[in-house]
Amino acid sequence: MTEKEFAKGLYVKPKKENAPDWVKFGMSIKREEAIQWLQSQTDEWINTEIKEGKSGKWYAEVWKPDPSKARAASPQQNHTPPSAAPQDDFADDIPF
């Protein structure tokens, strides 16, 4: 099992009790700590998963794909421009 890596400077909290349904969680960014941590990273993309610890505290853990399960990619497929970033299941009904 690989050692867990946490996104430093990112602090995640459950949504406030009176928040609307479309709010899923809150996140605070400690700017200097986050910048320092980001500058230490070498990958183009940094993926995180928001998790809840046994204590009930939420946190952002770095997630890296398993290289043994990665698809063989051509050189053109290795670069993902920001406009083609994974979109997941975002709806077009954002309320703002």
PDB file of N, CA and C in Angstrom:
ATOM      1  N   MET A   1       0.840  -1.174   0.000  1.00  0.00           N
ATOM      2  CA  MET A   1       0.000   0.000   0.000  1.00  0.00           C
ATOM      3  C   MET A   1       0.889   1.241   0.000  1.00  0.00           C
ATOM      4  N   THR A   2       0.565   2.209  -0.844  1.00  0.00           N
ATOM      5  CA  THR A   2       1.357   3.418  -0.915  1.00  0.00           C
ATOM      6  C   THR A   2       0.993   4.366   0.220  1.00  0.00           C
ATOM      7  N   GLU A   3       1.938   5.230   0.551  1.00  0.00           N
ATOM      8  CA  GLU A   3       1.703   6.197   1.622  1.00  0.00           C
ATOM      9  C   GLU A   3       0.722   7.261   1.156  1.00  0.00           C
ATOM     10  N   LYS A   4      -0.192   7.650   2.036  1.00  0.00           N
ATOM     11  CA  LYS A   4      -1.184   8.664   1.695  1.00  0.00           C
ATOM     12  C   LYS A   4      -0.509  10.021   1.593  1.00  0.00           C
ATOM     13  N   GLU A   5      -0.978  10.820   0.627  1.00  0.00           N
ATOM     14  CA  GLU A   5      -0.501  12.193   0.487  1.00  0.00           C
ATOM     15  C   GLU A   5      -1.708  13.114   0.592  1.00  0.00           C
ATOM     16  N   PHE A   6      -1.589  14.133   1.407  1.00  0.00           N
ATOM     17  CA  PHE A   6      -2.681  15.063   1.608  1.00  0.00           C
ATOM     18  C   PHE A   6      -2.381  16.372   0.903  1.00  0.00           C
ATOM     19  N   ALA A   7      -3.405  17.001   0.380  1.00  0.00           N
ATOM     20  CA  ALA A   7      -3.264  18.292  -0.280  1.00  0.00           C
ATOM     21  C   ALA A   7      -3.075  19.347   0.799  1.00  0.00           C
ATOM     22  N   LYS A   8      -1.854  19.818   0.944  1.00  0.00           N
ATOM     23  CA  LYS A   8      -1.545  20.788   1.998  1.00  0.00           C
ATOM     24  C   LYS A   8      -2.114  22.153   1.640  1.00  0.00           C
ATOM     25  N   GLY A   9      -2.675  22.807   2.623  1.00  0.00           N
ATOM     26  CA  GLY A   9      -3.239  24.126   2.417  1.00  0.00           C
ATOM     27  C   GLY A   9      -4.691  24.119   1.979  1.00  0.00           C
ATOM     28  N   LEU A  10      -5.269  22.927   1.756  1.00  0.00           N
ATOM     29  CA  LEU A  10      -6.680  22.804   1.391  1.00  0.00           C
ATOM     30  C   LEU A  10      -7.416  22.172   2.567  1.00  0.00           C
ATOM     31  N   TYR A  11      -8.407  22.877   3.067  1.00  0.00           N
ATOM     32  CA  TYR A  11      -9.154  22.408   4.229  1.00  0.00           C
ATOM     33  C   TYR A  11     -10.622  22.289   3.858  1.00  0.00           C
ATOM     34  N   VAL A  12     -11.154  21.084   3.978  1.00  0.00           N
ATOM     35  CA  VAL A  12     -12.504  20.768   3.522  1.00  0.00           C
ATOM     36  C   VAL A  12     -13.417  20.576   4.734  1.00  0.00           C
ATOM     37  N   LYS A  13     -14.637  21.100   4.610  1.00  0.00           N
ATOM     38  CA  LYS A  13     -15.610  20.987   5.697  1.00  0.00           C
ATOM     39  C   LYS A  13     -16.963  20.597   5.121  1.00  0.00           C
ATOM     40  N   PRO A  14     -17.763  19.867   5.893  1.00  0.00           N
ATOM     41  CA  PRO A  14     -19.122  19.573   5.419  1.00  0.00           C
ATOM     42  C   PRO A  14     -19.876  20.877   5.201  1.00  0.00           C
ATOM     43  N   LYS A  15     -20.874  20.836   4.333  1.00  0.00           N
ATOM     44  CA  LYS A  15     -21.630  22.059   4.073  1.00  0.00           C
ATOM     45  C   LYS A  15     -22.349  22.500   5.342  1.00  0.00           C
ATOM     46  N   LYS A  16     -22.624  23.793   5.405  1.00  0.00           N
ATOM     47  CA  LYS A  16     -23.334  24.334   6.559  1.00  0.00           C
ATOM     48  C   LYS A  16     -24.763  23.823   6.566  1.00  0.00           C
ATOM     49  N   GLU A  17     -25.312  23.689   7.749  1.00  0.00           N
ATOM     50  CA  GLU A  17     -26.649  23.115   7.920  1.00  0.00           C
ATOM     51  C   GLU A  17     -27.711  23.839   7.098  1.00  0.00           C
ATOM     52  N   ASN A  18     -27.615  25.139   6.987  1.00  0.00           N
ATOM     53  CA  ASN A  18     -28.632  25.906   6.263  1.00  0.00           C
ATOM     54  C   ASN A  18     -28.279  26.147   4.796  1.00  0.00           C
ATOM     55  N   ALA A  19     -27.244  25.492   4.289  1.00  0.00           N
ATOM     56  CA  ALA A  19     -26.838  25.673   2.888  1.00  0.00           C
ATOM     57  C   ALA A  19     -27.850  25.012   1.949  1.00  0.00           C
ATOM     58  N   PRO A  20     -28.026  25.580   0.743  1.00  0.00           N
ATOM     59  CA  PRO A  20     -28.939  24.962  -0.227  1.00  0.00           C
ATOM     60  C   PRO A  20     -28.419  23.597  -0.692  1.00  0.00           C
ATOM     61  N   ASP A  21     -29.295  22.812  -1.303  1.00  0.00           N
ATOM     62  CA  ASP A  21     -28.954  21.452  -1.732  1.00  0.00           C
ATOM     63  C   ASP A  21     -27.783  21.393  -2.706  1.00  0.00           C
ATOM     64  N   TRP A  22     -27.621  22.436  -3.529  1.00  0.00           N
ATOM     65  CA  TRP A  22     -26.562  22.366  -4.529  1.00  0.00           C
ATOM     66  C   TRP A  22     -25.175  22.605  -3.929  1.00  0.00           C
ATOM     67  N   VAL A  23     -25.083  23.044  -2.696  1.00  0.00           N
ATOM     68  CA  VAL A  23     -23.797  23.176  -2.013  1.00  0.00           C
ATOM     69  C   VAL A  23     -23.449  21.812  -1.435  1.00  0.00           C
ATOM     70  N   LYS A  24     -22.282  21.290  -1.785  1.00  0.00           N
ATOM     71  CA  LYS A  24     -21.895  19.943  -1.348  1.00  0.00           C
ATOM     72  C   LYS A  24     -20.917  19.959  -0.182  1.00  0.00           C
ATOM     73  N   PHE A  25     -19.990  20.919  -0.152  1.00  0.00           N
ATOM     74  CA  PHE A  25     -19.043  21.043   0.948  1.00  0.00           C
ATOM     75  C   PHE A  25     -18.400  22.414   0.864  1.00  0.00           C
ATOM     76  N   GLY A  26     -17.691  22.788   1.918  1.00  0.00           N
ATOM     77  CA  GLY A  26     -16.950  24.037   1.930  1.00  0.00           C
ATOM     78  C   GLY A  26     -15.462  23.733   1.888  1.00  0.00           C
ATOM     79  N   MET A  27     -14.681  24.671   1.354  1.00  0.00           N
ATOM     80  CA  MET A  27     -13.242  24.471   1.314  1.00  0.00           C
ATOM     81  C   MET A  27     -12.562  25.804   1.557  1.00  0.00           C
ATOM     82  N   SER A  28     -11.568  25.785   2.419  1.00  0.00           N
ATOM     83  CA  SER A  28     -10.744  26.955   2.682  1.00  0.00           C
ATOM     84  C   SER A  28      -9.352  26.664   2.136  1.00  0.00           C
ATOM     85  N   ILE A  29      -8.715  27.695   1.600  1.00  0.00           N
ATOM     86  CA  ILE A  29      -7.369  27.548   1.045  1.00  0.00           C
ATOM     87  C   ILE A  29      -6.434  28.473   1.812  1.00  0.00           C
ATOM     88  N   LYS A  30      -5.442  27.881   2.461  1.00  0.00           N
ATOM     89  CA  LYS A  30      -4.403  28.663   3.121  1.00  0.00           C
ATOM     90  C   LYS A  30      -3.360  28.948   2.042  1.00  0.00           C
ATOM     91  N   ARG A  31      -3.424  30.133   1.483  1.00  0.00           N
ATOM     92  CA  ARG A  31      -2.719  30.490   0.253  1.00  0.00           C
ATOM     93  C   ARG A  31      -1.235  30.127   0.254  1.00  0.00           C
ATOM     94  N   GLU A  32      -0.466  30.614   1.195  1.00  0.00           N
ATOM     95  CA  GLU A  32       0.981  30.366   1.187  1.00  0.00           C
ATOM     96  C   GLU A  32       1.305  28.876   1.305  1.00  0.00           C
ATOM     97  N   GLU A  33       0.592  28.179   2.175  1.00  0.00           N
ATOM     98  CA  GLU A  33       0.827  26.738   2.357  1.00  0.00           C
ATOM     99  C   GLU A  33       0.478  25.977   1.080  1.00  0.00           C
ATOM    100  N   ALA A  34      -0.638  26.332   0.448  1.00  0.00           N
ATOM    101  CA  ALA A  34      -1.061  25.662  -0.781  1.00  0.00           C
ATOM    102  C   ALA A  34      -0.078  25.933  -1.917  1.00  0.00           C
ATOM    103  N   ILE A  35       0.368  27.181  -2.059  1.00  0.00           N
ATOM    104  CA  ILE A  35       1.319  27.530  -3.123  1.00  0.00           C
ATOM    105  C   ILE A  35       2.611  26.750  -2.948  1.00  0.00           C
ATOM    106  N   GLN A  36       3.122  26.718  -1.738  1.00  0.00           N
ATOM    107  CA  GLN A  36       4.371  25.997  -1.469  1.00  0.00           C
ATOM    108  C   GLN A  36       4.216  24.511  -1.813  1.00  0.00           C
ATOM    109  N   TRP A  37       3.094  23.924  -1.415  1.00  0.00           N
ATOM    110  CA  TRP A  37       2.859  22.509  -1.698  1.00  0.00           C
ATOM    111  C   TRP A  37       2.717  22.271  -3.205  1.00  0.00           C
ATOM    112  N   LEU A  38       1.945  23.125  -3.880  1.00  0.00           N
ATOM    113  CA  LEU A  38       1.758  22.969  -5.323  1.00  0.00           C
ATOM    114  C   LEU A  38       3.083  23.073  -6.074  1.00  0.00           C
ATOM    115  N   GLN A  39       3.948  23.980  -5.657  1.00  0.00           N
ATOM    116  CA  GLN A  39       5.240  24.133  -6.318  1.00  0.00           C
ATOM    117  C   GLN A  39       6.127  22.911  -6.126  1.00  0.00           C
ATOM    118  N   SER A  40       5.867  22.102  -5.111  1.00  0.00           N
ATOM    119  CA  SER A  40       6.656  20.896  -4.886  1.00  0.00           C
ATOM    120  C   SER A  40       6.164  19.717  -5.735  1.00  0.00           C
ATOM    121  N   GLN A  41       5.007  19.872  -6.359  1.00  0.00           N
ATOM    122  CA  GLN A  41       4.428  18.801  -7.165  1.00  0.00           C
ATOM    123  C   GLN A  41       5.010  18.842  -8.574  1.00  0.00           C
ATOM    124  N   THR A  42       5.177  17.677  -9.185  1.00  0.00           N
ATOM    125  CA  THR A  42       5.774  17.614 -10.524  1.00  0.00           C
ATOM    126  C   THR A  42       4.784  17.232 -11.610  1.00  0.00           C
ATOM    127  N   ASP A  43       3.655  16.654 -11.249  1.00  0.00           N
ATOM    128  CA  ASP A  43       2.674  16.247 -12.254  1.00  0.00           C
ATOM    129  C   ASP A  43       1.898  17.458 -12.775  1.00  0.00           C
ATOM    130  N   GLU A  44       1.457  17.374 -14.037  1.00  0.00           N
ATOM    131  CA  GLU A  44       0.677  18.457 -14.613  1.00  0.00           C
ATOM    132  C   GLU A  44      -0.674  18.585 -13.914  1.00  0.00           C
ATOM    133  N   TRP A  45      -1.301  17.460 -13.620  1.00  0.00           N
ATOM    134  CA  TRP A  45      -2.610  17.435 -12.960  1.00  0.00           C
ATOM    135  C   TRP A  45      -2.445  16.874 -11.561  1.00  0.00           C
ATOM    136  N   ILE A  46      -3.145  17.466 -10.606  1.00  0.00           N
ATOM    137  CA  ILE A  46      -3.173  16.961  -9.237  1.00  0.00           C
ATOM    138  C   ILE A  46      -4.628  16.652  -8.920  1.00  0.00           C
ATOM    139  N   ASN A  47      -4.920  15.382  -8.732  1.00  0.00           N
ATOM    140  CA  ASN A  47      -6.285  14.943  -8.433  1.00  0.00           C
ATOM    141  C   ASN A  47      -6.419  14.718  -6.935  1.00  0.00           C
ATOM    142  N   THR A  48      -7.558  15.099  -6.392  1.00  0.00           N
ATOM    143  CA  THR A  48      -7.817  14.840  -4.983  1.00  0.00           C
ATOM    144  C   THR A  48      -9.177  14.189  -4.821  1.00  0.00           C
ATOM    145  N   GLU A  49      -9.317  13.483  -3.740  1.00  0.00           N
ATOM    146  CA  GLU A  49     -10.604  12.930  -3.328  1.00  0.00           C
ATOM    147  C   GLU A  49     -10.921  13.530  -1.965  1.00  0.00           C
ATOM    148  N   ILE A  50     -12.145  13.979  -1.791  1.00  0.00           N
ATOM    149  CA  ILE A  50     -12.577  14.523  -0.514  1.00  0.00           C
ATOM    150  C   ILE A  50     -13.071  13.344   0.320  1.00  0.00           C
ATOM    151  N   LYS A  51     -12.456  13.157   1.484  1.00  0.00           N
ATOM    152  CA  LYS A  51     -12.758  12.007   2.331  1.00  0.00           C
ATOM    153  C   LYS A  51     -13.113  12.470   3.735  1.00  0.00           C
ATOM    154  N   GLU A  52     -13.722  11.559   4.482  1.00  0.00           N
ATOM    155  CA  GLU A  52     -14.055  11.824   5.875  1.00  0.00           C
ATOM    156  C   GLU A  52     -13.281  10.849   6.744  1.00  0.00           C
ATOM    157  N   GLY A  53     -12.519  11.378   7.686  1.00  0.00           N
ATOM    158  CA  GLY A  53     -11.727  10.552   8.580  1.00  0.00           C
ATOM    159  C   GLY A  53     -12.588   9.901   9.646  1.00  0.00           C
ATOM    160  N   LYS A  54     -12.018   8.962  10.371  1.00  0.00           N
ATOM    161  CA  LYS A  54     -12.736   8.293  11.460  1.00  0.00           C
ATOM    162  C   LYS A  54     -13.204   9.290  12.510  1.00  0.00           C
ATOM    163  N   SER A  55     -12.469  10.398  12.616  1.00  0.00           N
ATOM    164  CA  SER A  55     -12.813  11.439  13.591  1.00  0.00           C
ATOM    165  C   SER A  55     -14.003  12.283  13.124  1.00  0.00           C
ATOM    166  N   GLY A  56     -14.399  12.123  11.849  1.00  0.00           N
ATOM    167  CA  GLY A  56     -15.467  12.935  11.290  1.00  0.00           C
ATOM    168  C   GLY A  56     -14.950  14.153  10.543  1.00  0.00           C
ATOM    169  N   LYS A  57     -13.648  14.406  10.630  1.00  0.00           N
ATOM    170  CA  LYS A  57     -13.038  15.546   9.951  1.00  0.00           C
ATOM    171  C   LYS A  57     -12.844  15.223   8.465  1.00  0.00           C
ATOM    172  N   TRP A  58     -13.165  16.177   7.590  1.00  0.00           N
ATOM    173  CA  TRP A  58     -13.009  15.988   6.153  1.00  0.00           C
ATOM    174  C   TRP A  58     -11.617  16.436   5.728  1.00  0.00           C
ATOM    175  N   TYR A  59     -11.110  15.838   4.643  1.00  0.00           N
ATOM    176  CA  TYR A  59      -9.785  16.205   4.141  1.00  0.00           C
ATOM    177  C   TYR A  59      -9.692  15.892   2.653  1.00  0.00           C
ATOM    178  N   ALA A  60      -8.697  16.511   2.000  1.00  0.00           N
ATOM    179  CA  ALA A  60      -8.441  16.274   0.579  1.00  0.00           C
ATOM    180  C   ALA A  60      -7.198  15.403   0.467  1.00  0.00           C
ATOM    181  N   GLU A  61      -7.376  14.201  -0.080  1.00  0.00           N
ATOM    182  CA  GLU A  61      -6.259  13.277  -0.264  1.00  0.00           C
ATOM    183  C   GLU A  61      -5.901  13.221  -1.738  1.00  0.00           C
ATOM    184  N   VAL A  62      -4.612  13.254  -2.036  1.00  0.00           N
ATOM    185  CA  VAL A  62      -4.151  13.171  -3.423  1.00  0.00           C
ATOM    186  C   VAL A  62      -4.428  11.771  -3.935  1.00  0.00           C
ATOM    187  N   TRP A  63      -4.965  11.712  -5.153  1.00  0.00           N
ATOM    188  CA  TRP A  63      -5.282  10.449  -5.803  1.00  0.00           C
ATOM    189  C   TRP A  63      -4.522  10.382  -7.116  1.00  0.00           C
ATOM    190  N   LYS A  64      -3.817   9.278  -7.323  1.00  0.00           N
ATOM    191  CA  LYS A  64      -3.094   9.071  -8.588  1.00  0.00           C
ATOM    192  C   LYS A  64      -3.593   7.779  -9.205  1.00  0.00           C
ATOM    193  N   PRO A  65      -3.827   7.796 -10.531  1.00  0.00           N
ATOM    194  CA  PRO A  65      -4.306   6.578 -11.193  1.00  0.00           C
ATOM    195  C   PRO A  65      -3.257   5.473 -11.100  1.00  0.00           C
ATOM    196  N   ASP A  66      -3.726   4.259 -11.096  1.00  0.00           N
ATOM    197  CA  ASP A  66      -2.849   3.084 -11.059  1.00  0.00           C
ATOM    198  C   ASP A  66      -2.218   2.942 -12.436  1.00  0.00           C
ATOM    199  N   PRO A  67      -0.887   3.104 -12.548  1.00  0.00           N
ATOM    200  CA  PRO A  67      -0.248   3.033 -13.869  1.00  0.00           C
ATOM    201  C   PRO A  67      -0.424   1.676 -14.551  1.00  0.00           C
ATOM    202  N   SER A  68      -0.633   0.620 -13.778  1.00  0.00           N
ATOM    203  CA  SER A  68      -0.813  -0.703 -14.387  1.00  0.00           C
ATOM    204  C   SER A  68      -2.168  -0.817 -15.077  1.00  0.00           C
ATOM    205  N   LYS A  69      -3.108   0.085 -14.747  1.00  0.00           N
ATOM    206  CA  LYS A  69      -4.427   0.061 -15.364  1.00  0.00           C
ATOM    207  C   LYS A  69      -4.590   1.144 -16.427  1.00  0.00           C
ATOM    208  N   ALA A  70      -3.535   1.923 -16.638  1.00  0.00           N
ATOM    209  CA  ALA A  70      -3.615   3.019 -17.617  1.00  0.00           C
ATOM    210  C   ALA A  70      -3.652   2.454 -19.028  1.00  0.00           C
ATOM    211  N   ARG A  71      -4.398   3.144 -19.887  1.00  0.00           N
ATOM    212  CA  ARG A  71      -4.462   2.744 -21.288  1.00  0.00           C
ATOM    213  C   ARG A  71      -3.194   3.203 -21.999  1.00  0.00           C
ATOM    214  N   ALA A  72      -2.790   2.459 -23.006  1.00  0.00           N
ATOM    215  CA  ALA A  72      -1.672   2.890 -23.834  1.00  0.00           C
ATOM    216  C   ALA A  72      -2.133   4.095 -24.639  1.00  0.00           C
ATOM    217  N   ALA A  73      -1.363   5.163 -24.563  1.00  0.00           N
ATOM    218  CA  ALA A  73      -1.767   6.397 -25.233  1.00  0.00           C
ATOM    219  C   ALA A  73      -0.753   6.771 -26.303  1.00  0.00           C
ATOM    220  N   SER A  74      -1.256   7.323 -27.376  1.00  0.00           N
ATOM    221  CA  SER A  74      -0.373   7.839 -28.404  1.00  0.00           C
ATOM    222  C   SER A  74       0.207   9.155 -27.910  1.00  0.00           C
ATOM    223  N   PRO A  75       1.292   9.653 -28.509  1.00  0.00           N
ATOM    224  CA  PRO A  75       1.866  10.920 -28.053  1.00  0.00           C
ATOM    225  C   PRO A  75       0.861  12.065 -28.068  1.00  0.00           C
ATOM    226  N   GLN A  76      -0.075  12.092 -29.010  1.00  0.00           N
ATOM    227  CA  GLN A  76      -1.062  13.157 -29.061  1.00  0.00           C
ATOM    228  C   GLN A  76      -2.029  13.058 -27.883  1.00  0.00           C
ATOM    229  N   GLN A  77      -2.259  11.871 -27.359  1.00  0.00           N
ATOM    230  CA  GLN A  77      -3.212  11.684 -26.274  1.00  0.00           C
ATOM    231  C   GLN A  77      -2.602  11.980 -24.911  1.00  0.00           C
ATOM    232  N   ASN A  78      -1.295  12.114 -24.828  1.00  0.00           N
ATOM    233  CA  ASN A  78      -0.658  12.334 -23.539  1.00  0.00           C
ATOM    234  C   ASN A  78      -0.889  13.731 -22.991  1.00  0.00           C
ATOM    235  N   HIS A  79      -1.199  14.690 -23.858  1.00  0.00           N
ATOM    236  CA  HIS A  79      -1.416  16.057 -23.399  1.00  0.00           C
ATOM    237  C   HIS A  79      -2.904  16.361 -23.399  1.00  0.00           C
ATOM    238  N   THR A  80      -3.409  16.778 -22.246  1.00  0.00           N
ATOM    239  CA  THR A  80      -4.808  17.167 -22.135  1.00  0.00           C
ATOM    240  C   THR A  80      -4.860  18.657 -21.865  1.00  0.00           C
ATOM    241  N   PRO A  81      -5.212  19.455 -22.862  1.00  0.00           N
ATOM    242  CA  PRO A  81      -5.292  20.892 -22.624  1.00  0.00           C
ATOM    243  C   PRO A  81      -6.403  21.207 -21.639  1.00  0.00           C
ATOM    244  N   PRO A  82      -6.299  22.324 -20.920  1.00  0.00           N
ATOM    245  CA  PRO A  82      -7.316  22.656 -19.922  1.00  0.00           C
ATOM    246  C   PRO A  82      -8.733  22.647 -20.476  1.00  0.00           C
ATOM    247  N   SER A  83      -8.921  23.036 -21.731  1.00  0.00           N
ATOM    248  CA  SER A  83     -10.271  23.061 -22.300  1.00  0.00           C
ATOM    249  C   SER A  83     -10.841  21.659 -22.481  1.00  0.00           C
ATOM    250  N   ALA A  84      -9.969  20.656 -22.459  1.00  0.00           N
ATOM    251  CA  ALA A  84     -10.433  19.279 -22.619  1.00  0.00           C
ATOM    252  C   ALA A  84     -10.297  18.491 -21.326  1.00  0.00           C
ATOM    253  N   ALA A  85     -10.216  19.182 -20.211  1.00  0.00           N
ATOM    254  CA  ALA A  85     -10.090  18.512 -18.914  1.00  0.00           C
ATOM    255  C   ALA A  85     -11.312  17.648 -18.661  1.00  0.00           C
ATOM    256  N   PRO A  86     -11.158  16.573 -17.883  1.00  0.00           N
ATOM    257  CA  PRO A  86     -12.304  15.711 -17.589  1.00  0.00           C
ATOM    258  C   PRO A  86     -13.457  16.523 -17.007  1.00  0.00           C
ATOM    259  N   GLN A  87     -14.655  16.287 -17.485  1.00  0.00           N
ATOM    260  CA  GLN A  87     -15.808  17.074 -17.073  1.00  0.00           C
ATOM    261  C   GLN A  87     -16.695  16.364 -16.057  1.00  0.00           C
ATOM    262  N   ASP A  88     -16.498  15.094 -15.834  1.00  0.00           N
ATOM    263  CA  ASP A  88     -17.316  14.316 -14.915  1.00  0.00           C
ATOM    264  C   ASP A  88     -18.800  14.502 -15.226  1.00  0.00           C
ATOM    265  N   ASP A  89     -19.622  14.683 -14.205  1.00  0.00           N
ATOM    266  CA  ASP A  89     -21.072  14.760 -14.388  1.00  0.00           C
ATOM    267  C   ASP A  89     -21.610  16.142 -14.065  1.00  0.00           C
ATOM    268  N   PHE A  90     -21.000  17.176 -14.619  1.00  0.00           N
ATOM    269  CA  PHE A  90     -21.469  18.521 -14.343  1.00  0.00           C
ATOM    270  C   PHE A  90     -22.703  18.807 -15.179  1.00  0.00           C
ATOM    271  N   ALA A  91     -23.678  19.386 -14.529  1.00  0.00           N
ATOM    272  CA  ALA A  91     -24.934  19.744 -15.209  1.00  0.00           C
ATOM    273  C   ALA A  91     -24.855  21.185 -15.679  1.00  0.00           C
ATOM    274  N   ASP A  92     -25.675  21.522 -16.645  1.00  0.00           N
ATOM    275  CA  ASP A  92     -25.713  22.881 -17.159  1.00  0.00           C
ATOM    276  C   ASP A  92     -26.670  23.764 -16.366  1.00  0.00           C
ATOM    277  N   ASP A  93     -27.222  23.264 -15.289  1.00  0.00           N
ATOM    278  CA  ASP A  93     -28.192  24.038 -14.534  1.00  0.00           C
ATOM    279  C   ASP A  93     -27.571  24.670 -13.291  1.00  0.00           C
ATOM    280  N   ILE A  94     -26.337  25.157 -13.418  1.00  0.00           N
ATOM    281  CA  ILE A  94     -25.663  25.813 -12.301  1.00  0.00           C
ATOM    282  C   ILE A  94     -26.462  27.073 -11.960  1.00  0.00           C
ATOM    283  N   PRO A  95     -26.772  27.287 -10.684  1.00  0.00           N
ATOM    284  CA  PRO A  95     -27.705  28.363 -10.295  1.00  0.00           C
ATOM    285  C   PRO A  95     -27.094  29.761 -10.247  1.00  0.00           C
ATOM    286  N   PHE A  96     -26.058  30.037 -11.021  1.00  0.00           N
ATOM    287  CA  PHE A  96     -25.524  31.407 -11.048  1.00  0.00           C
ATOM    288  C   PHE A  96     -25.030  31.755 -12.406  1.00  0.00           C
TER     289      PHE A  96
END
